[in-house]
Amino acid sequence: MPFLNSICVYCGSSAGHKPEYAAAARDLGGLIASSGRTLVYGGGGVGLMGEVARAARVGGGRVVGVIPSHLNTKERAYHEVELRVVESMHERKQAMADLADGFVAVPGGLGTFDELFEILTWNQIGLHGKPVGLLNVSGYFDALLSMVEQTVREGFAPPTARSRILVEEKPEALLTALDAYIE
């Protein structure tokens, strides 16, 4: 049994322009399921959210989606999973954090960045000690990582801000790194 029983995946409600993004989301969802873990995600059935959830579900995994009521239609909630409808984005992020043993961001937009930076901030200020990783498909997060490194160089974040972020290009390697993480 893996060390981390549940993985929260932050990802886009769009698929992006590169087919590698959807392939990586599907691979990650399948690996989460085949390793006996629970996928926790944003509850949508479209974009990369839909890809990761369908792959985990097809792989026989438990899938828990958390979606705010106001996005239920826009993100077309995926009703084939254990769906939890909450009232606000704040409730969504808290519920996802409470349900997860670790976190992975795959390519996505501003919502993905918002969720990622909030969970990183919570880690930095000691609200949790759970691992946080980036699935850096096709170098998608390179600029973000440069920004974090710049923030550290300029004295706006401690040196541990960058080392707290686990980065891998392949889902298998990232799950292994998450399991091995020790704060």
C-alpha atoms as a PDB file:
ATOM      1  CA  MET A   1       0.000   0.000   0.000  1.00  0.00           C
ATOM      2  CA  PRO A   2       1.360   3.474  -0.851  1.00  0.00           C
ATOM      3  CA  PHE A   3       2.318   5.915   1.862  1.00  0.00           C
ATOM      4  CA  LEU A   4      -0.113   8.505   0.514  1.00  0.00           C
ATOM      5  CA  ASN A   5      -3.601   7.047   0.282  1.00  0.00           C
ATOM      6  CA  SER A   6      -5.209  10.033  -1.420  1.00  0.00           C
ATOM      7  CA  ILE A   7      -3.836  12.492  -3.947  1.00  0.00           C
ATOM      8  CA  CYS A   8      -5.460  15.828  -4.736  1.00  0.00           C
ATOM      9  CA  VAL A   9      -4.913  16.825  -8.349  1.00  0.00           C
ATOM     10  CA  TYR A  10      -5.230  20.463  -9.392  1.00  0.00           C
ATOM     11  CA  CYS A  11      -5.657  20.870 -13.142  1.00  0.00           C
ATOM     12  CA  GLY A  12      -7.406  22.790 -15.862  1.00  0.00           C
ATOM     13  CA  SER A  13     -11.044  22.657 -16.799  1.00  0.00           C
ATOM     14  CA  SER A  14      -9.653  23.122 -20.309  1.00  0.00           C
ATOM     15  CA  ALA A  15      -7.416  20.662 -22.126  1.00  0.00           C
ATOM     16  CA  GLY A  16      -4.823  23.187 -23.317  1.00  0.00           C
ATOM     17  CA  HIS A  17      -3.262  23.131 -26.774  1.00  0.00           C
ATOM     18  CA  LYS A  18      -0.834  20.232 -26.433  1.00  0.00           C
ATOM     19  CA  PRO A  19      -2.093  16.637 -26.511  1.00  0.00           C
ATOM     20  CA  GLU A  20       0.680  15.760 -24.013  1.00  0.00           C
ATOM     21  CA  TYR A  21      -1.306  17.519 -21.278  1.00  0.00           C
ATOM     22  CA  ALA A  22      -4.338  15.245 -21.628  1.00  0.00           C
ATOM     23  CA  ALA A  23      -2.123  12.171 -21.968  1.00  0.00           C
ATOM     24  CA  ALA A  24      -0.277  13.055 -18.746  1.00  0.00           C
ATOM     25  CA  ALA A  25      -3.570  13.664 -16.902  1.00  0.00           C
ATOM     26  CA  ARG A  26      -4.859  10.271 -18.047  1.00  0.00           C
ATOM     27  CA  ASP A  27      -1.605   8.569 -17.054  1.00  0.00           C
ATOM     28  CA  LEU A  28      -1.696  10.192 -13.627  1.00  0.00           C
ATOM     29  CA  GLY A  29      -5.333   9.236 -13.033  1.00  0.00           C
ATOM     30  CA  GLY A  30      -4.649   5.662 -14.076  1.00  0.00           C
ATOM     31  CA  LEU A  31      -1.613   5.392 -11.816  1.00  0.00           C
ATOM     32  CA  ILE A  32      -3.479   6.826  -8.850  1.00  0.00           C
ATOM     33  CA  ALA A  33      -6.157   4.164  -9.343  1.00  0.00           C
ATOM     34  CA  SER A  34      -3.810   1.244 -10.036  1.00  0.00           C
ATOM     35  CA  SER A  35      -1.770   2.044  -6.927  1.00  0.00           C
ATOM     36  CA  GLY A  36      -4.887   1.822  -4.744  1.00  0.00           C
ATOM     37  CA  ARG A  37      -5.095   5.539  -4.005  1.00  0.00           C
ATOM     38  CA  THR A  38      -8.081   7.858  -4.000  1.00  0.00           C
ATOM     39  CA  LEU A  39      -8.158  10.731  -6.477  1.00  0.00           C
ATOM     40  CA  VAL A  40      -9.446  14.004  -5.035  1.00  0.00           C
ATOM     41  CA  TYR A  41     -10.046  16.697  -7.641  1.00  0.00           C
ATOM     42  CA  GLY A  42     -12.246  19.644  -8.583  1.00  0.00           C
ATOM     43  CA  GLY A  43     -15.292  17.647  -9.658  1.00  0.00           C
ATOM     44  CA  GLY A  44     -15.497  18.726 -13.299  1.00  0.00           C
ATOM     45  CA  GLY A  45     -16.003  16.436 -16.244  1.00  0.00           C
ATOM     46  CA  VAL A  46     -14.323  18.636 -18.856  1.00  0.00           C
ATOM     47  CA  GLY A  47     -10.736  19.472 -19.744  1.00  0.00           C
ATOM     48  CA  LEU A  48      -7.901  17.903 -17.829  1.00  0.00           C
ATOM     49  CA  MET A  49     -10.190  17.495 -14.823  1.00  0.00           C
ATOM     50  CA  GLY A  50     -12.365  15.159 -16.834  1.00  0.00           C
ATOM     51  CA  GLU A  51      -9.350  13.306 -18.222  1.00  0.00           C
ATOM     52  CA  VAL A  52      -7.795  12.552 -14.829  1.00  0.00           C
ATOM     53  CA  ALA A  53     -11.134  11.579 -13.275  1.00  0.00           C
ATOM     54  CA  ARG A  54     -12.240   9.292 -16.109  1.00  0.00           C
ATOM     55  CA  ALA A  55      -8.854   7.552 -16.164  1.00  0.00           C
ATOM     56  CA  ALA A  56      -8.951   6.953 -12.402  1.00  0.00           C
ATOM     57  CA  ARG A  57     -12.531   5.722 -12.588  1.00  0.00           C
ATOM     58  CA  VAL A  58     -11.832   3.400 -15.542  1.00  0.00           C
ATOM     59  CA  GLY A  59      -8.833   2.109 -13.583  1.00  0.00           C
ATOM     60  CA  GLY A  60     -11.136   1.087 -10.746  1.00  0.00           C
ATOM     61  CA  GLY A  61     -10.062   3.818  -8.347  1.00  0.00           C
ATOM     62  CA  ARG A  62     -12.104   5.810  -5.892  1.00  0.00           C
ATOM     63  CA  VAL A  63     -12.675   9.328  -7.238  1.00  0.00           C
ATOM     64  CA  VAL A  64     -13.927  12.185  -5.062  1.00  0.00           C
ATOM     65  CA  GLY A  65     -14.856  15.417  -6.821  1.00  0.00           C
ATOM     66  CA  VAL A  66     -15.446  18.626  -4.900  1.00  0.00           C
ATOM     67  CA  ILE A  67     -17.253  21.340  -6.818  1.00  0.00           C
ATOM     68  CA  PRO A  68     -18.871  24.619  -5.736  1.00  0.00           C
ATOM     69  CA  SER A  69     -22.538  24.887  -6.631  1.00  0.00           C
ATOM     70  CA  HIS A  70     -21.977  27.937  -8.867  1.00  0.00           C
ATOM     71  CA  LEU A  71     -19.584  25.931 -11.098  1.00  0.00           C
ATOM     72  CA  ASN A  72     -21.723  22.821 -11.195  1.00  0.00           C
ATOM     73  CA  THR A  73     -23.104  23.766 -14.625  1.00  0.00           C
ATOM     74  CA  LYS A  74     -20.116  25.665 -16.056  1.00  0.00           C
ATOM     75  CA  GLU A  75     -17.598  22.926 -15.290  1.00  0.00           C
ATOM     76  CA  ARG A  76     -20.189  20.272 -16.048  1.00  0.00           C
ATOM     77  CA  ALA A  77     -19.825  18.254 -12.898  1.00  0.00           C
ATOM     78  CA  TYR A  78     -18.820  14.657 -13.471  1.00  0.00           C
ATOM     79  CA  HIS A  79     -21.657  12.722 -11.872  1.00  0.00           C
ATOM     80  CA  GLU A  80     -20.007   9.319 -12.345  1.00  0.00           C
ATOM     81  CA  VAL A  81     -17.786   9.983  -9.300  1.00  0.00           C
ATOM     82  CA  GLU A  82     -18.374  10.555  -5.599  1.00  0.00           C
ATOM     83  CA  LEU A  83     -19.355  14.201  -5.990  1.00  0.00           C
ATOM     84  CA  ARG A  84     -19.448  16.681  -3.132  1.00  0.00           C
ATOM     85  CA  VAL A  85     -21.131  19.996  -3.859  1.00  0.00           C
ATOM     86  CA  VAL A  86     -20.048  22.871  -1.621  1.00  0.00           C
ATOM     87  CA  GLU A  87     -21.109  26.508  -1.496  1.00  0.00           C
ATOM     88  CA  SER A  88     -17.881  28.370  -2.259  1.00  0.00           C
ATOM     89  CA  MET A  89     -14.404  28.103  -3.723  1.00  0.00           C
ATOM     90  CA  HIS A  90     -13.001  28.503  -0.203  1.00  0.00           C
ATOM     91  CA  GLU A  91     -14.999  25.497   0.981  1.00  0.00           C
ATOM     92  CA  ARG A  92     -13.856  23.551  -2.080  1.00  0.00           C
ATOM     93  CA  LYS A  93     -10.171  24.201  -1.405  1.00  0.00           C
ATOM     94  CA  GLN A  94     -10.505  23.355   2.285  1.00  0.00           C
ATOM     95  CA  ALA A  95     -12.420  20.144   1.589  1.00  0.00           C
ATOM     96  CA  MET A  96      -9.887  19.042  -1.025  1.00  0.00           C
ATOM     97  CA  ALA A  97      -7.015  19.764   1.356  1.00  0.00           C
ATOM     98  CA  ASP A  98      -8.711  17.857   4.179  1.00  0.00           C
ATOM     99  CA  LEU A  99      -9.334  14.818   1.964  1.00  0.00           C
ATOM    100  CA  ALA A 100      -5.799  14.604   0.539  1.00  0.00           C
ATOM    101  CA  ASP A 101      -2.516  13.193   1.808  1.00  0.00           C
ATOM    102  CA  GLY A 102      -0.576  14.936  -0.968  1.00  0.00           C
ATOM    103  CA  PHE A 103      -1.086  17.346  -3.859  1.00  0.00           C
ATOM    104  CA  VAL A 104      -0.189  17.418  -7.547  1.00  0.00           C
ATOM    105  CA  ALA A 105      -0.652  20.254 -10.005  1.00  0.00           C
ATOM    106  CA  VAL A 106      -0.762  19.442 -13.686  1.00  0.00           C
ATOM    107  CA  PRO A 107      -1.044  22.115 -16.375  1.00  0.00           C
ATOM    108  CA  GLY A 108      -3.947  24.449 -15.873  1.00  0.00           C
ATOM    109  CA  GLY A 109      -4.922  28.083 -15.678  1.00  0.00           C
ATOM    110  CA  LEU A 110      -5.339  30.702 -12.999  1.00  0.00           C
ATOM    111  CA  GLY A 111      -7.553  28.458 -10.865  1.00  0.00           C
ATOM    112  CA  THR A 112      -4.863  25.787 -10.832  1.00  0.00           C
ATOM    113  CA  PHE A 113      -2.265  28.389  -9.843  1.00  0.00           C
ATOM    114  CA  ASP A 114      -4.566  29.726  -7.125  1.00  0.00           C
ATOM    115  CA  GLU A 115      -5.049  26.268  -5.626  1.00  0.00           C
ATOM    116  CA  LEU A 116      -1.353  25.436  -5.935  1.00  0.00           C
ATOM    117  CA  PHE A 117      -0.109  28.624  -4.284  1.00  0.00           C
ATOM    118  CA  GLU A 118      -2.658  28.435  -1.503  1.00  0.00           C
ATOM    119  CA  ILE A 119      -1.638  24.875  -0.601  1.00  0.00           C
ATOM    120  CA  LEU A 120       2.061  25.849  -0.831  1.00  0.00           C
ATOM    121  CA  THR A 121       1.414  28.813   1.459  1.00  0.00           C
ATOM    122  CA  TRP A 122      -0.404  26.595   3.938  1.00  0.00           C
ATOM    123  CA  ASN A 123       2.638  24.304   3.910  1.00  0.00           C
ATOM    124  CA  GLN A 124       5.055  27.203   4.407  1.00  0.00           C
ATOM    125  CA  ILE A 125       3.160  28.576   7.411  1.00  0.00           C
ATOM    126  CA  GLY A 126       2.757  25.158   9.000  1.00  0.00           C
ATOM    127  CA  LEU A 127      -0.934  24.437   8.414  1.00  0.00           C
ATOM    128  CA  HIS A 128       0.041  21.094   6.873  1.00  0.00           C
ATOM    129  CA  GLY A 129       3.161  19.051   6.170  1.00  0.00           C
ATOM    130  CA  LYS A 130       1.851  17.224   3.118  1.00  0.00           C
ATOM    131  CA  PRO A 131       3.935  16.956  -0.068  1.00  0.00           C
ATOM    132  CA  VAL A 132       3.191  19.177  -3.068  1.00  0.00           C
ATOM    133  CA  GLY A 133       4.323  18.288  -6.578  1.00  0.00           C
ATOM    134  CA  LEU A 134       4.215  19.595 -10.105  1.00  0.00           C
ATOM    135  CA  LEU A 135       3.788  17.325 -13.090  1.00  0.00           C
ATOM    136  CA  ASN A 136       5.921  19.472 -15.385  1.00  0.00           C
ATOM    137  CA  VAL A 137       4.598  18.268 -18.736  1.00  0.00           C
ATOM    138  CA  SER A 138       6.554  19.735 -21.655  1.00  0.00           C
ATOM    139  CA  GLY A 139       8.149  22.298 -19.326  1.00  0.00           C
ATOM    140  CA  TYR A 140       4.783  23.893 -18.558  1.00  0.00           C
ATOM    141  CA  PHE A 141       5.812  24.976 -15.046  1.00  0.00           C
ATOM    142  CA  ASP A 142       9.356  26.155 -15.882  1.00  0.00           C
ATOM    143  CA  ALA A 143       8.432  29.854 -15.754  1.00  0.00           C
ATOM    144  CA  LEU A 144       6.503  29.378 -12.503  1.00  0.00           C
ATOM    145  CA  LEU A 145       9.522  27.667 -10.928  1.00  0.00           C
ATOM    146  CA  SER A 146      11.748  30.532 -12.098  1.00  0.00           C
ATOM    147  CA  MET A 147       9.348  32.965 -10.449  1.00  0.00           C
ATOM    148  CA  VAL A 148       9.497  31.040  -7.161  1.00  0.00           C
ATOM    149  CA  GLU A 149      13.315  31.019  -7.343  1.00  0.00           C
ATOM    150  CA  GLN A 150      13.293  34.790  -8.005  1.00  0.00           C
ATOM    151  CA  THR A 151      11.027  35.271  -4.990  1.00  0.00           C
ATOM    152  CA  VAL A 152      13.544  33.401  -2.827  1.00  0.00           C
ATOM    153  CA  ARG A 153      16.538  35.338  -4.279  1.00  0.00           C
ATOM    154  CA  GLU A 154      14.814  38.651  -3.579  1.00  0.00           C
ATOM    155  CA  GLY A 155      14.078  37.713   0.031  1.00  0.00           C
ATOM    156  CA  PHE A 156      10.294  37.421  -0.207  1.00  0.00           C
ATOM    157  CA  ALA A 157      10.230  33.717   0.588  1.00  0.00           C
ATOM    158  CA  PRO A 158      12.493  31.403   2.577  1.00  0.00           C
ATOM    159  CA  PRO A 159      14.929  29.121   0.711  1.00  0.00           C
ATOM    160  CA  THR A 160      12.665  26.182   1.554  1.00  0.00           C
ATOM    161  CA  ALA A 161       9.902  27.672  -0.616  1.00  0.00           C
ATOM    162  CA  ARG A 162      11.427  26.113  -3.731  1.00  0.00           C
ATOM    163  CA  SER A 163      12.631  22.886  -2.116  1.00  0.00           C
ATOM    164  CA  ARG A 164       9.095  22.160  -0.867  1.00  0.00           C
ATOM    165  CA  ILE A 165       7.931  21.802  -4.472  1.00  0.00           C
ATOM    166  CA  LEU A 166       8.593  18.353  -5.934  1.00  0.00           C
ATOM    167  CA  VAL A 167       8.948  18.464  -9.710  1.00  0.00           C
ATOM    168  CA  GLU A 168       8.903  15.581 -12.167  1.00  0.00           C
ATOM    169  CA  GLU A 169       8.035  15.153 -15.827  1.00  0.00           C
ATOM    170  CA  LYS A 170       6.504  11.683 -15.491  1.00  0.00           C
ATOM    171  CA  PRO A 171       3.579  10.664 -13.256  1.00  0.00           C
ATOM    172  CA  GLU A 172       5.341   7.546 -11.930  1.00  0.00           C
ATOM    173  CA  ALA A 173       8.370   9.538 -10.795  1.00  0.00           C
ATOM    174  CA  LEU A 174       6.188  12.185  -9.171  1.00  0.00           C
ATOM    175  CA  LEU A 175       4.129   9.666  -7.175  1.00  0.00           C
ATOM    176  CA  THR A 176       7.371   8.052  -5.993  1.00  0.00           C
ATOM    177  CA  ALA A 177       8.732  11.459  -4.931  1.00  0.00           C
ATOM    178  CA  LEU A 178       5.501  12.282  -3.097  1.00  0.00           C
ATOM    179  CA  ASP A 179       5.633   8.984  -1.205  1.00  0.00           C
ATOM    180  CA  ALA A 180       9.277   9.602  -0.243  1.00  0.00           C
ATOM    181  CA  TYR A 181       8.743  13.196   0.886  1.00  0.00           C
ATOM    182  CA  ILE A 182       9.815  13.989   4.421  1.00  0.00           C
ATOM    183  CA  GLU A 183       9.343  17.546   5.637  1.00  0.00           C
END
